[in-house]
Amino acid sequence: MSRLLLFNKPYNVLCQFTDSEGRTTLKDFITEPGVYPAGRLDRDSEGLLLLTDDGNWQQRISNPVHKLPKTYLVQVEGLISEEALNALSSGVMLNDGPTLPAKATAIAPPNVWERNPPVRARKTVPDSWLSISIVEGRNRQVRRMTAAVGFPTLRLIRMAIGEWTLDGLLPGQFRTETLPTLPARSMRYSQKPRRRR
């Protein structure tokens, strides 16, 4: 059996175990030996990060060819419009090409933990919350998507990757699950997503 750690990564924590600049990293929270991140989460983003001791599972989770949906709660600047939601749901053009359609809906402010430090509020500018699910994994993709439709991201929390969710984990907490061992030959990791023409 393989180990899977579900970790609620706090804001301002690097998704690595070492840092030459002395910044906060995974080693400040993860006590389990021999596990490594399956995918990444930006330093200024929060929420679910999966770590495993199994290279096959690491590839299965992080390789975009498998299209595991990733769901985020996103606080944006401004009152989100139906036009912007429709654009996100249809796919938006970024500087590295169009995104695949996302699932994007406006939601009420969620009951989540306070961020440390808190999001800087501007009294003259309202904000709103969205739930966004994507199957790609481009660099800072959700932030770039909301900016492209005119609503910059203020706070980003990843709530789920595939079937795995935060499920009550507070920032800095993790829990461990076991996974069945995958046969390496069935994974076909050499397969790459086809480029759009």
N, C-alpha and C. Protein backbone atom coordinates (compact mmCIF):
# COMPACT_ATOMS: atom_id res chain seq x y z
N MET A 1 0.84 -1.19 0.00
CA MET A 1 0.00 0.00 0.00
C MET A 1 0.88 1.25 0.00
N SER A 2 0.33 2.31 -0.58
CA SER A 2 1.05 3.58 -0.67
C SER A 2 0.40 4.60 0.27
N ARG A 3 1.19 5.57 0.68
CA ARG A 3 0.67 6.62 1.56
C ARG A 3 0.28 7.85 0.76
N LEU A 4 -0.80 8.49 1.18
CA LEU A 4 -1.22 9.77 0.63
C LEU A 4 -1.49 10.71 1.78
N LEU A 5 -0.85 11.86 1.76
CA LEU A 5 -1.09 12.89 2.76
C LEU A 5 -1.93 13.99 2.15
N LEU A 6 -3.00 14.37 2.83
CA LEU A 6 -3.83 15.50 2.44
C LEU A 6 -3.49 16.64 3.39
N PHE A 7 -2.93 17.71 2.87
CA PHE A 7 -2.39 18.80 3.67
C PHE A 7 -3.10 20.09 3.31
N ASN A 8 -3.52 20.83 4.32
CA ASN A 8 -4.09 22.16 4.10
C ASN A 8 -2.95 23.17 4.18
N LYS A 9 -2.44 23.54 3.02
CA LYS A 9 -1.28 24.44 2.97
C LYS A 9 -1.69 25.87 3.34
N PRO A 10 -1.05 26.44 4.34
CA PRO A 10 -1.36 27.83 4.67
C PRO A 10 -0.82 28.80 3.63
N TYR A 11 -1.31 30.01 3.68
CA TYR A 11 -0.80 31.11 2.87
C TYR A 11 0.68 31.33 3.18
N ASN A 12 1.44 31.68 2.15
CA ASN A 12 2.85 32.07 2.30
C ASN A 12 3.77 30.90 2.65
N VAL A 13 3.37 29.68 2.29
CA VAL A 13 4.21 28.50 2.49
C VAL A 13 4.60 27.95 1.13
N LEU A 14 5.89 27.67 0.95
CA LEU A 14 6.38 27.11 -0.30
C LEU A 14 6.08 25.62 -0.40
N CYS A 15 5.75 25.15 -1.61
CA CYS A 15 5.46 23.73 -1.84
C CYS A 15 6.74 22.95 -2.09
N GLN A 16 7.68 23.03 -1.18
CA GLN A 16 8.93 22.29 -1.24
C GLN A 16 9.45 22.15 0.18
N PHE A 17 10.44 21.29 0.35
CA PHE A 17 10.93 21.02 1.70
C PHE A 17 12.17 21.82 2.09
N THR A 18 12.82 22.45 1.13
CA THR A 18 14.00 23.26 1.43
C THR A 18 13.90 24.60 0.74
N ASP A 19 14.57 25.59 1.32
CA ASP A 19 14.61 26.91 0.71
C ASP A 19 15.85 27.64 1.19
N SER A 20 16.66 28.09 0.24
CA SER A 20 17.93 28.74 0.59
C SER A 20 17.72 30.11 1.22
N GLU A 21 16.52 30.67 1.09
CA GLU A 21 16.25 31.99 1.65
C GLU A 21 15.60 31.94 3.02
N GLY A 22 15.42 30.75 3.55
CA GLY A 22 14.88 30.62 4.89
C GLY A 22 13.38 30.85 5.01
N ARG A 23 12.65 30.75 3.89
CA ARG A 23 11.21 30.95 3.94
C ARG A 23 10.52 29.69 4.47
N THR A 24 9.27 29.83 4.86
CA THR A 24 8.51 28.71 5.41
C THR A 24 8.22 27.69 4.31
N THR A 25 8.49 26.42 4.59
CA THR A 25 8.32 25.36 3.61
C THR A 25 7.50 24.22 4.23
N LEU A 26 7.32 23.16 3.44
CA LEU A 26 6.57 22.00 3.91
C LEU A 26 7.21 21.35 5.13
N LYS A 27 8.53 21.44 5.26
CA LYS A 27 9.20 20.78 6.38
C LYS A 27 8.77 21.36 7.73
N ASP A 28 8.20 22.58 7.71
CA ASP A 28 7.72 23.18 8.95
C ASP A 28 6.39 22.58 9.41
N PHE A 29 5.78 21.72 8.57
CA PHE A 29 4.47 21.14 8.90
C PHE A 29 4.41 19.63 8.74
N ILE A 30 5.10 19.09 7.75
CA ILE A 30 4.98 17.67 7.41
C ILE A 30 6.02 16.87 8.18
N THR A 31 5.55 15.98 9.04
CA THR A 31 6.45 15.17 9.85
C THR A 31 6.65 13.77 9.28
N GLU A 32 5.84 13.37 8.30
CA GLU A 32 5.95 12.04 7.70
C GLU A 32 7.16 12.00 6.77
N PRO A 33 8.04 11.01 6.91
CA PRO A 33 9.21 10.92 6.02
C PRO A 33 8.85 10.33 4.67
N GLY A 34 9.62 10.69 3.65
CA GLY A 34 9.55 10.01 2.36
C GLY A 34 8.37 10.35 1.48
N VAL A 35 7.69 11.46 1.74
CA VAL A 35 6.57 11.86 0.88
C VAL A 35 6.95 13.13 0.12
N TYR A 36 6.38 13.25 -1.09
CA TYR A 36 6.69 14.38 -1.96
C TYR A 36 5.41 14.90 -2.59
N PRO A 37 5.36 16.21 -2.90
CA PRO A 37 4.13 16.79 -3.46
C PRO A 37 3.77 16.17 -4.81
N ALA A 38 2.48 15.93 -4.98
CA ALA A 38 1.93 15.51 -6.27
C ALA A 38 1.23 16.74 -6.86
N GLY A 39 2.01 17.56 -7.57
CA GLY A 39 1.51 18.84 -8.04
C GLY A 39 1.99 19.97 -7.13
N ARG A 40 1.53 21.18 -7.45
CA ARG A 40 1.99 22.34 -6.72
C ARG A 40 0.82 23.24 -6.36
N LEU A 41 1.08 24.15 -5.45
CA LEU A 41 0.14 25.19 -5.08
C LEU A 41 0.98 26.42 -4.80
N ASP A 42 0.64 27.54 -5.44
CA ASP A 42 1.46 28.74 -5.33
C ASP A 42 1.64 29.17 -3.87
N ARG A 43 2.73 29.84 -3.61
CA ARG A 43 3.02 30.32 -2.26
C ARG A 43 1.90 31.18 -1.70
N ASP A 44 1.27 32.01 -2.56
CA ASP A 44 0.23 32.90 -2.09
C ASP A 44 -1.17 32.30 -2.21
N SER A 45 -1.25 30.99 -2.45
CA SER A 45 -2.52 30.28 -2.46
C SER A 45 -2.59 29.36 -1.25
N GLU A 46 -3.80 28.95 -0.91
CA GLU A 46 -4.03 28.12 0.27
C GLU A 46 -4.76 26.85 -0.14
N GLY A 47 -4.82 25.91 0.80
CA GLY A 47 -5.70 24.77 0.61
C GLY A 47 -5.02 23.46 0.32
N LEU A 48 -5.74 22.58 -0.37
CA LEU A 48 -5.37 21.18 -0.49
C LEU A 48 -4.12 20.96 -1.33
N LEU A 49 -3.15 20.30 -0.72
CA LEU A 49 -1.95 19.81 -1.41
C LEU A 49 -1.84 18.33 -1.08
N LEU A 50 -1.64 17.51 -2.11
CA LEU A 50 -1.48 16.07 -1.91
C LEU A 50 -0.01 15.71 -1.98
N LEU A 51 0.43 14.85 -1.06
CA LEU A 51 1.79 14.34 -1.05
C LEU A 51 1.72 12.83 -0.96
N THR A 52 2.67 12.15 -1.59
CA THR A 52 2.66 10.69 -1.58
C THR A 52 4.08 10.16 -1.59
N ASP A 53 4.21 8.88 -1.19
CA ASP A 53 5.51 8.21 -1.25
C ASP A 53 5.60 7.30 -2.47
N ASP A 54 4.62 7.38 -3.37
CA ASP A 54 4.54 6.50 -4.53
C ASP A 54 4.65 7.32 -5.81
N GLY A 55 5.70 7.07 -6.59
CA GLY A 55 5.93 7.84 -7.81
C GLY A 55 4.82 7.67 -8.84
N ASN A 56 4.23 6.47 -8.91
CA ASN A 56 3.14 6.26 -9.86
C ASN A 56 1.92 7.10 -9.50
N TRP A 57 1.58 7.13 -8.21
CA TRP A 57 0.46 7.97 -7.78
C TRP A 57 0.79 9.45 -7.96
N GLN A 58 2.04 9.83 -7.72
CA GLN A 58 2.45 11.21 -7.91
C GLN A 58 2.17 11.65 -9.34
N GLN A 59 2.52 10.80 -10.31
CA GLN A 59 2.25 11.11 -11.71
C GLN A 59 0.76 11.06 -12.02
N ARG A 60 0.08 10.10 -11.45
CA ARG A 60 -1.36 9.95 -11.72
C ARG A 60 -2.12 11.19 -11.27
N ILE A 61 -1.72 11.77 -10.17
CA ILE A 61 -2.41 12.95 -9.62
C ILE A 61 -2.01 14.22 -10.36
N SER A 62 -0.73 14.36 -10.66
CA SER A 62 -0.23 15.65 -11.16
C SER A 62 -0.24 15.79 -12.68
N ASN A 63 -0.24 14.67 -13.41
CA ASN A 63 -0.16 14.75 -14.87
C ASN A 63 -1.50 15.21 -15.45
N PRO A 64 -1.53 16.34 -16.19
CA PRO A 64 -2.80 16.87 -16.72
C PRO A 64 -3.53 15.92 -17.67
N VAL A 65 -2.82 14.93 -18.23
CA VAL A 65 -3.47 14.02 -19.16
C VAL A 65 -4.62 13.26 -18.48
N HIS A 66 -4.55 13.10 -17.17
CA HIS A 66 -5.58 12.36 -16.45
C HIS A 66 -6.78 13.23 -16.07
N LYS A 67 -6.64 14.56 -16.24
CA LYS A 67 -7.74 15.51 -16.09
C LYS A 67 -8.49 15.38 -14.76
N LEU A 68 -7.73 15.26 -13.67
CA LEU A 68 -8.37 15.30 -12.35
C LEU A 68 -8.89 16.71 -12.11
N PRO A 69 -10.17 16.89 -11.84
CA PRO A 69 -10.67 18.24 -11.59
C PRO A 69 -10.12 18.81 -10.28
N LYS A 70 -9.81 20.08 -10.31
CA LYS A 70 -9.35 20.79 -9.12
C LYS A 70 -10.35 21.92 -8.86
N THR A 71 -10.87 21.96 -7.64
CA THR A 71 -11.92 22.92 -7.30
C THR A 71 -11.37 23.95 -6.31
N TYR A 72 -11.65 25.21 -6.61
CA TYR A 72 -11.14 26.32 -5.83
C TYR A 72 -12.28 27.23 -5.36
N LEU A 73 -12.12 27.81 -4.17
CA LEU A 73 -12.91 28.96 -3.75
C LEU A 73 -12.07 30.19 -4.03
N VAL A 74 -12.65 31.15 -4.71
CA VAL A 74 -11.88 32.30 -5.20
C VAL A 74 -12.58 33.59 -4.79
N GLN A 75 -11.88 34.41 -4.05
CA GLN A 75 -12.37 35.75 -3.72
C GLN A 75 -11.79 36.71 -4.75
N VAL A 76 -12.67 37.46 -5.42
CA VAL A 76 -12.22 38.39 -6.45
C VAL A 76 -12.62 39.81 -6.10
N GLU A 77 -11.91 40.73 -6.70
CA GLU A 77 -12.22 42.15 -6.53
C GLU A 77 -13.35 42.52 -7.48
N GLY A 78 -14.41 43.10 -6.92
CA GLY A 78 -15.56 43.49 -7.73
C GLY A 78 -16.69 42.50 -7.59
N LEU A 79 -17.88 42.92 -8.02
CA LEU A 79 -19.05 42.05 -8.00
C LEU A 79 -19.10 41.29 -9.31
N ILE A 80 -18.87 39.99 -9.25
CA ILE A 80 -18.74 39.17 -10.45
C ILE A 80 -20.02 39.24 -11.29
N SER A 81 -19.84 39.34 -12.59
CA SER A 81 -20.97 39.47 -13.51
C SER A 81 -21.28 38.12 -14.17
N GLU A 82 -22.51 38.00 -14.68
CA GLU A 82 -22.88 36.80 -15.43
C GLU A 82 -22.02 36.67 -16.68
N GLU A 83 -21.70 37.80 -17.28
CA GLU A 83 -20.85 37.79 -18.48
C GLU A 83 -19.49 37.17 -18.17
N ALA A 84 -18.90 37.55 -17.02
CA ALA A 84 -17.60 37.01 -16.64
C ALA A 84 -17.70 35.52 -16.33
N LEU A 85 -18.78 35.11 -15.64
CA LEU A 85 -18.96 33.69 -15.33
C LEU A 85 -19.12 32.87 -16.60
N ASN A 86 -19.87 33.41 -17.56
CA ASN A 86 -20.04 32.72 -18.84
C ASN A 86 -18.73 32.58 -19.58
N ALA A 87 -17.91 33.64 -19.51
CA ALA A 87 -16.60 33.59 -20.18
C ALA A 87 -15.71 32.53 -19.55
N LEU A 88 -15.67 32.47 -18.21
CA LEU A 88 -14.87 31.46 -17.53
C LEU A 88 -15.36 30.06 -17.87
N SER A 89 -16.68 29.91 -17.94
CA SER A 89 -17.27 28.60 -18.23
C SER A 89 -17.03 28.15 -19.67
N SER A 90 -16.81 29.12 -20.56
CA SER A 90 -16.58 28.79 -21.96
C SER A 90 -15.10 28.61 -22.27
N GLY A 91 -14.23 29.16 -21.43
CA GLY A 91 -12.79 29.17 -21.70
C GLY A 91 -12.36 30.56 -22.10
N VAL A 92 -11.25 31.03 -21.55
CA VAL A 92 -10.76 32.37 -21.84
C VAL A 92 -9.39 32.30 -22.48
N MET A 93 -9.05 33.34 -23.20
CA MET A 93 -7.75 33.40 -23.87
C MET A 93 -6.71 33.97 -22.91
N LEU A 94 -5.64 33.21 -22.68
CA LEU A 94 -4.50 33.66 -21.89
C LEU A 94 -3.30 33.83 -22.81
N ASN A 95 -2.21 34.33 -22.29
CA ASN A 95 -1.05 34.58 -23.15
C ASN A 95 -0.41 33.29 -23.65
N ASP A 96 -0.75 32.14 -23.02
CA ASP A 96 -0.24 30.86 -23.51
C ASP A 96 -1.35 30.03 -24.17
N GLY A 97 -2.39 30.70 -24.63
CA GLY A 97 -3.45 30.02 -25.38
C GLY A 97 -4.75 29.95 -24.61
N PRO A 98 -5.81 29.47 -25.26
CA PRO A 98 -7.12 29.40 -24.62
C PRO A 98 -7.17 28.31 -23.55
N THR A 99 -7.95 28.57 -22.51
CA THR A 99 -8.15 27.55 -21.48
C THR A 99 -9.30 26.64 -21.89
N LEU A 100 -9.33 25.46 -21.31
CA LEU A 100 -10.49 24.61 -21.45
C LEU A 100 -11.64 25.20 -20.64
N PRO A 101 -12.87 24.89 -20.99
CA PRO A 101 -14.00 25.39 -20.21
C PRO A 101 -13.86 24.98 -18.73
N ALA A 102 -14.27 25.89 -17.86
CA ALA A 102 -14.25 25.64 -16.41
C ALA A 102 -15.68 25.58 -15.90
N LYS A 103 -15.86 25.06 -14.72
CA LYS A 103 -17.14 25.18 -14.02
C LYS A 103 -17.00 26.36 -13.08
N ALA A 104 -17.75 27.42 -13.34
CA ALA A 104 -17.62 28.65 -12.56
C ALA A 104 -19.00 29.13 -12.11
N THR A 105 -19.17 29.29 -10.80
CA THR A 105 -20.43 29.78 -10.26
C THR A 105 -20.16 30.78 -9.15
N ALA A 106 -21.03 31.78 -9.05
CA ALA A 106 -20.96 32.73 -7.94
C ALA A 106 -21.51 32.06 -6.69
N ILE A 107 -20.89 32.30 -5.55
CA ILE A 107 -21.33 31.71 -4.29
C ILE A 107 -21.37 32.78 -3.20
N ALA A 108 -22.08 32.49 -2.13
CA ALA A 108 -22.06 33.36 -0.96
C ALA A 108 -20.68 33.25 -0.30
N PRO A 109 -20.27 34.28 0.44
CA PRO A 109 -18.98 34.18 1.14
C PRO A 109 -18.93 32.90 1.98
N PRO A 110 -17.93 32.05 1.76
CA PRO A 110 -17.89 30.76 2.46
C PRO A 110 -17.42 30.90 3.90
N ASN A 111 -17.75 29.91 4.68
CA ASN A 111 -17.33 29.88 6.08
C ASN A 111 -15.96 29.21 6.15
N VAL A 112 -14.92 30.00 5.89
CA VAL A 112 -13.56 29.48 5.90
C VAL A 112 -12.74 30.22 6.95
N TRP A 113 -11.58 29.67 7.25
CA TRP A 113 -10.69 30.26 8.24
C TRP A 113 -10.22 31.65 7.81
N GLU A 114 -9.83 32.46 8.79
CA GLU A 114 -9.23 33.75 8.50
C GLU A 114 -7.83 33.55 7.96
N ARG A 115 -7.48 34.32 6.95
CA ARG A 115 -6.13 34.23 6.41
C ARG A 115 -5.18 35.06 7.25
N ASN A 116 -3.94 34.60 7.38
CA ASN A 116 -2.91 35.34 8.11
C ASN A 116 -1.72 35.56 7.19
N PRO A 117 -1.47 36.84 6.77
CA PRO A 117 -2.22 38.05 7.09
C PRO A 117 -3.54 38.10 6.32
N PRO A 118 -4.49 38.91 6.82
CA PRO A 118 -5.79 38.99 6.13
C PRO A 118 -5.68 39.67 4.78
N VAL A 119 -6.66 39.39 3.91
CA VAL A 119 -6.73 40.07 2.63
C VAL A 119 -6.96 41.55 2.88
N ARG A 120 -6.20 42.39 2.19
CA ARG A 120 -6.34 43.83 2.38
C ARG A 120 -7.66 44.30 1.78
N ALA A 121 -8.51 44.86 2.61
CA ALA A 121 -9.83 45.30 2.15
C ALA A 121 -9.77 46.75 1.66
N ARG A 122 -10.50 47.02 0.58
CA ARG A 122 -10.65 48.39 0.08
C ARG A 122 -12.11 48.75 0.24
N LYS A 123 -12.40 49.68 1.13
CA LYS A 123 -13.78 49.98 1.48
C LYS A 123 -14.60 50.47 0.29
N THR A 124 -13.94 51.05 -0.70
CA THR A 124 -14.67 51.59 -1.85
C THR A 124 -14.88 50.55 -2.95
N VAL A 125 -14.25 49.38 -2.81
CA VAL A 125 -14.35 48.35 -3.86
C VAL A 125 -14.93 47.08 -3.25
N PRO A 126 -16.10 46.63 -3.71
CA PRO A 126 -16.68 45.40 -3.18
C PRO A 126 -15.90 44.17 -3.67
N ASP A 127 -16.18 43.04 -3.07
CA ASP A 127 -15.58 41.79 -3.55
C ASP A 127 -16.66 40.73 -3.61
N SER A 128 -16.35 39.61 -4.25
CA SER A 128 -17.29 38.50 -4.34
C SER A 128 -16.53 37.20 -4.40
N TRP A 129 -17.28 36.09 -4.23
CA TRP A 129 -16.68 34.76 -4.19
C TRP A 129 -17.21 33.89 -5.31
N LEU A 130 -16.34 33.03 -5.84
CA LEU A 130 -16.70 32.08 -6.88
C LEU A 130 -16.23 30.69 -6.47
N SER A 131 -16.87 29.69 -7.05
CA SER A 131 -16.33 28.34 -7.05
C SER A 131 -15.92 28.04 -8.49
N ILE A 132 -14.66 27.64 -8.67
CA ILE A 132 -14.14 27.35 -10.01
C ILE A 132 -13.49 25.97 -10.01
N SER A 133 -13.86 25.14 -10.99
CA SER A 133 -13.23 23.83 -11.17
C SER A 133 -12.57 23.79 -12.55
N ILE A 134 -11.30 23.35 -12.58
CA ILE A 134 -10.56 23.25 -13.83
C ILE A 134 -9.91 21.87 -13.90
N VAL A 135 -9.54 21.45 -15.11
CA VAL A 135 -8.85 20.17 -15.28
C VAL A 135 -7.43 20.36 -15.82
N GLU A 136 -7.04 21.61 -16.03
CA GLU A 136 -5.67 21.90 -16.48
C GLU A 136 -4.80 22.23 -15.27
N GLY A 137 -3.53 22.48 -15.51
CA GLY A 137 -2.64 22.80 -14.42
C GLY A 137 -1.59 23.83 -14.81
N ARG A 138 -2.01 24.86 -15.53
CA ARG A 138 -1.04 25.89 -15.94
C ARG A 138 -0.61 26.75 -14.75
N ASN A 139 0.53 27.40 -14.92
CA ASN A 139 1.05 28.26 -13.87
C ASN A 139 0.07 29.39 -13.55
N ARG A 140 -0.33 29.49 -12.29
CA ARG A 140 -1.20 30.55 -11.78
C ARG A 140 -2.46 30.70 -12.65
N GLN A 141 -3.00 29.58 -13.09
CA GLN A 141 -4.06 29.60 -14.09
C GLN A 141 -5.33 30.31 -13.60
N VAL A 142 -5.83 29.95 -12.42
CA VAL A 142 -7.09 30.55 -11.96
C VAL A 142 -6.94 32.06 -11.79
N ARG A 143 -5.83 32.50 -11.23
CA ARG A 143 -5.59 33.94 -11.07
C ARG A 143 -5.58 34.64 -12.43
N ARG A 144 -4.94 34.01 -13.41
CA ARG A 144 -4.89 34.63 -14.74
C ARG A 144 -6.26 34.62 -15.42
N MET A 145 -7.04 33.58 -15.15
CA MET A 145 -8.38 33.51 -15.75
C MET A 145 -9.28 34.61 -15.21
N THR A 146 -9.31 34.78 -13.89
CA THR A 146 -10.20 35.82 -13.34
C THR A 146 -9.73 37.22 -13.75
N ALA A 147 -8.42 37.42 -13.82
CA ALA A 147 -7.91 38.72 -14.28
C ALA A 147 -8.30 38.98 -15.73
N ALA A 148 -8.30 37.92 -16.55
CA ALA A 148 -8.62 38.07 -17.96
C ALA A 148 -10.07 38.51 -18.19
N VAL A 149 -10.95 38.18 -17.24
CA VAL A 149 -12.35 38.61 -17.38
C VAL A 149 -12.65 39.83 -16.52
N GLY A 150 -11.60 40.48 -15.99
CA GLY A 150 -11.76 41.76 -15.32
C GLY A 150 -11.98 41.71 -13.81
N PHE A 151 -11.68 40.55 -13.18
CA PHE A 151 -11.91 40.42 -11.75
C PHE A 151 -10.67 39.80 -11.09
N PRO A 152 -9.72 40.63 -10.65
CA PRO A 152 -8.48 40.11 -10.07
C PRO A 152 -8.75 39.28 -8.82
N THR A 153 -7.99 38.21 -8.67
CA THR A 153 -8.12 37.34 -7.50
C THR A 153 -7.47 37.97 -6.28
N LEU A 154 -8.21 37.96 -5.17
CA LEU A 154 -7.69 38.43 -3.89
C LEU A 154 -7.25 37.27 -3.00
N ARG A 155 -7.99 36.18 -3.08
CA ARG A 155 -7.69 35.01 -2.25
C ARG A 155 -8.08 33.75 -3.01
N LEU A 156 -7.23 32.72 -2.89
CA LEU A 156 -7.45 31.48 -3.64
C LEU A 156 -7.24 30.30 -2.70
N ILE A 157 -8.30 29.46 -2.57
CA ILE A 157 -8.25 28.29 -1.68
C ILE A 157 -8.63 27.05 -2.50
N ARG A 158 -7.72 26.09 -2.60
CA ARG A 158 -8.06 24.85 -3.29
C ARG A 158 -8.75 23.91 -2.31
N MET A 159 -9.97 23.52 -2.67
CA MET A 159 -10.78 22.71 -1.77
C MET A 159 -10.74 21.23 -2.11
N ALA A 160 -10.52 20.89 -3.39
CA ALA A 160 -10.58 19.48 -3.77
C ALA A 160 -9.70 19.21 -4.98
N ILE A 161 -9.17 17.99 -5.03
CA ILE A 161 -8.47 17.45 -6.21
C ILE A 161 -9.10 16.09 -6.46
N GLY A 162 -9.81 15.96 -7.55
CA GLY A 162 -10.51 14.70 -7.80
C GLY A 162 -11.47 14.41 -6.65
N GLU A 163 -11.36 13.22 -6.08
CA GLU A 163 -12.25 12.81 -4.99
C GLU A 163 -11.76 13.25 -3.62
N TRP A 164 -10.54 13.79 -3.54
CA TRP A 164 -9.97 14.17 -2.25
C TRP A 164 -10.32 15.62 -1.91
N THR A 165 -10.73 15.85 -0.66
CA THR A 165 -11.12 17.18 -0.22
C THR A 165 -10.42 17.53 1.10
N LEU A 166 -10.49 18.81 1.44
CA LEU A 166 -9.92 19.26 2.71
C LEU A 166 -10.66 18.63 3.90
N ASP A 167 -11.96 18.48 3.79
CA ASP A 167 -12.77 17.75 4.78
C ASP A 167 -12.41 18.11 6.22
N GLY A 168 -12.49 19.40 6.55
CA GLY A 168 -12.31 19.82 7.94
C GLY A 168 -10.90 20.10 8.38
N LEU A 169 -9.90 19.91 7.51
CA LEU A 169 -8.52 20.21 7.89
C LEU A 169 -8.33 21.71 8.02
N LEU A 170 -7.76 22.15 9.12
CA LEU A 170 -7.41 23.55 9.29
C LEU A 170 -6.04 23.82 8.68
N PRO A 171 -5.71 25.08 8.41
CA PRO A 171 -4.39 25.39 7.84
C PRO A 171 -3.26 24.79 8.68
N GLY A 172 -2.33 24.11 8.00
CA GLY A 172 -1.20 23.49 8.68
C GLY A 172 -1.45 22.06 9.12
N GLN A 173 -2.69 21.58 9.01
CA GLN A 173 -3.00 20.21 9.41
C GLN A 173 -2.96 19.27 8.21
N PHE A 174 -2.69 17.99 8.49
CA PHE A 174 -2.76 16.98 7.44
C PHE A 174 -3.32 15.69 8.01
N ARG A 175 -3.79 14.84 7.12
CA ARG A 175 -4.20 13.49 7.50
C ARG A 175 -3.64 12.53 6.46
N THR A 176 -3.51 11.28 6.84
CA THR A 176 -2.90 10.27 5.98
C THR A 176 -3.93 9.24 5.58
N GLU A 177 -3.91 8.86 4.31
CA GLU A 177 -4.74 7.78 3.79
C GLU A 177 -3.82 6.76 3.12
N THR A 178 -4.35 5.58 2.90
CA THR A 178 -3.60 4.58 2.15
C THR A 178 -4.22 4.41 0.77
N LEU A 179 -3.36 4.13 -0.20
CA LEU A 179 -3.78 3.94 -1.58
C LEU A 179 -3.30 2.59 -2.07
N PRO A 180 -4.05 1.97 -2.98
CA PRO A 180 -3.56 0.72 -3.56
C PRO A 180 -2.35 0.98 -4.45
N THR A 181 -1.46 0.04 -4.52
CA THR A 181 -0.29 0.18 -5.39
C THR A 181 -0.72 0.07 -6.85
N LEU A 182 -0.29 1.01 -7.65
CA LEU A 182 -0.65 1.02 -9.06
C LEU A 182 0.38 0.26 -9.88
N PRO A 183 -0.06 -0.53 -10.86
CA PRO A 183 0.91 -1.14 -11.78
C PRO A 183 1.49 -0.07 -12.70
N ALA A 184 2.80 0.05 -12.72
CA ALA A 184 3.45 1.13 -13.46
C ALA A 184 3.11 1.09 -14.94
N ARG A 185 2.98 -0.09 -15.53
CA ARG A 185 2.77 -0.17 -16.97
C ARG A 185 1.41 0.38 -17.40
N SER A 186 0.45 0.39 -16.48
CA SER A 186 -0.90 0.83 -16.87
C SER A 186 -1.03 2.34 -16.91
N MET A 187 -0.01 3.06 -16.44
CA MET A 187 -0.16 4.50 -16.28
C MET A 187 0.11 5.28 -17.56
N ARG A 188 0.96 4.77 -18.44
CA ARG A 188 1.25 5.41 -19.73
C ARG A 188 1.64 6.87 -19.54
N TYR A 189 2.67 7.10 -18.69
CA TYR A 189 3.06 8.48 -18.37
C TYR A 189 3.71 9.21 -19.54
N SER A 190 4.16 8.47 -20.53
CA SER A 190 4.80 9.14 -21.65
C SER A 190 3.80 9.87 -22.52
N GLN A 191 2.51 9.55 -22.33
CA GLN A 191 1.49 10.19 -23.14
C GLN A 191 1.36 11.65 -22.73
N LYS A 192 1.39 12.53 -23.69
CA LYS A 192 1.31 13.97 -23.43
C LYS A 192 0.04 14.52 -24.05
N PRO A 193 -0.52 15.59 -23.43
CA PRO A 193 -1.69 16.21 -24.04
C PRO A 193 -1.38 16.72 -25.44
N ARG A 194 -2.28 16.50 -26.35
CA ARG A 194 -2.07 17.00 -27.70
C ARG A 194 -2.21 18.51 -27.76
N ARG A 195 -1.37 19.13 -28.57
CA ARG A 195 -1.49 20.57 -28.76
C ARG A 195 -2.67 20.90 -29.66
N ARG A 196 -3.30 22.01 -29.34
CA ARG A 196 -4.37 22.46 -30.24
C ARG A 196 -3.76 23.00 -31.52
N ARG A 197 -4.43 22.77 -32.63
CA ARG A 197 -3.96 23.29 -33.90
C ARG A 197 -4.78 24.50 -34.28
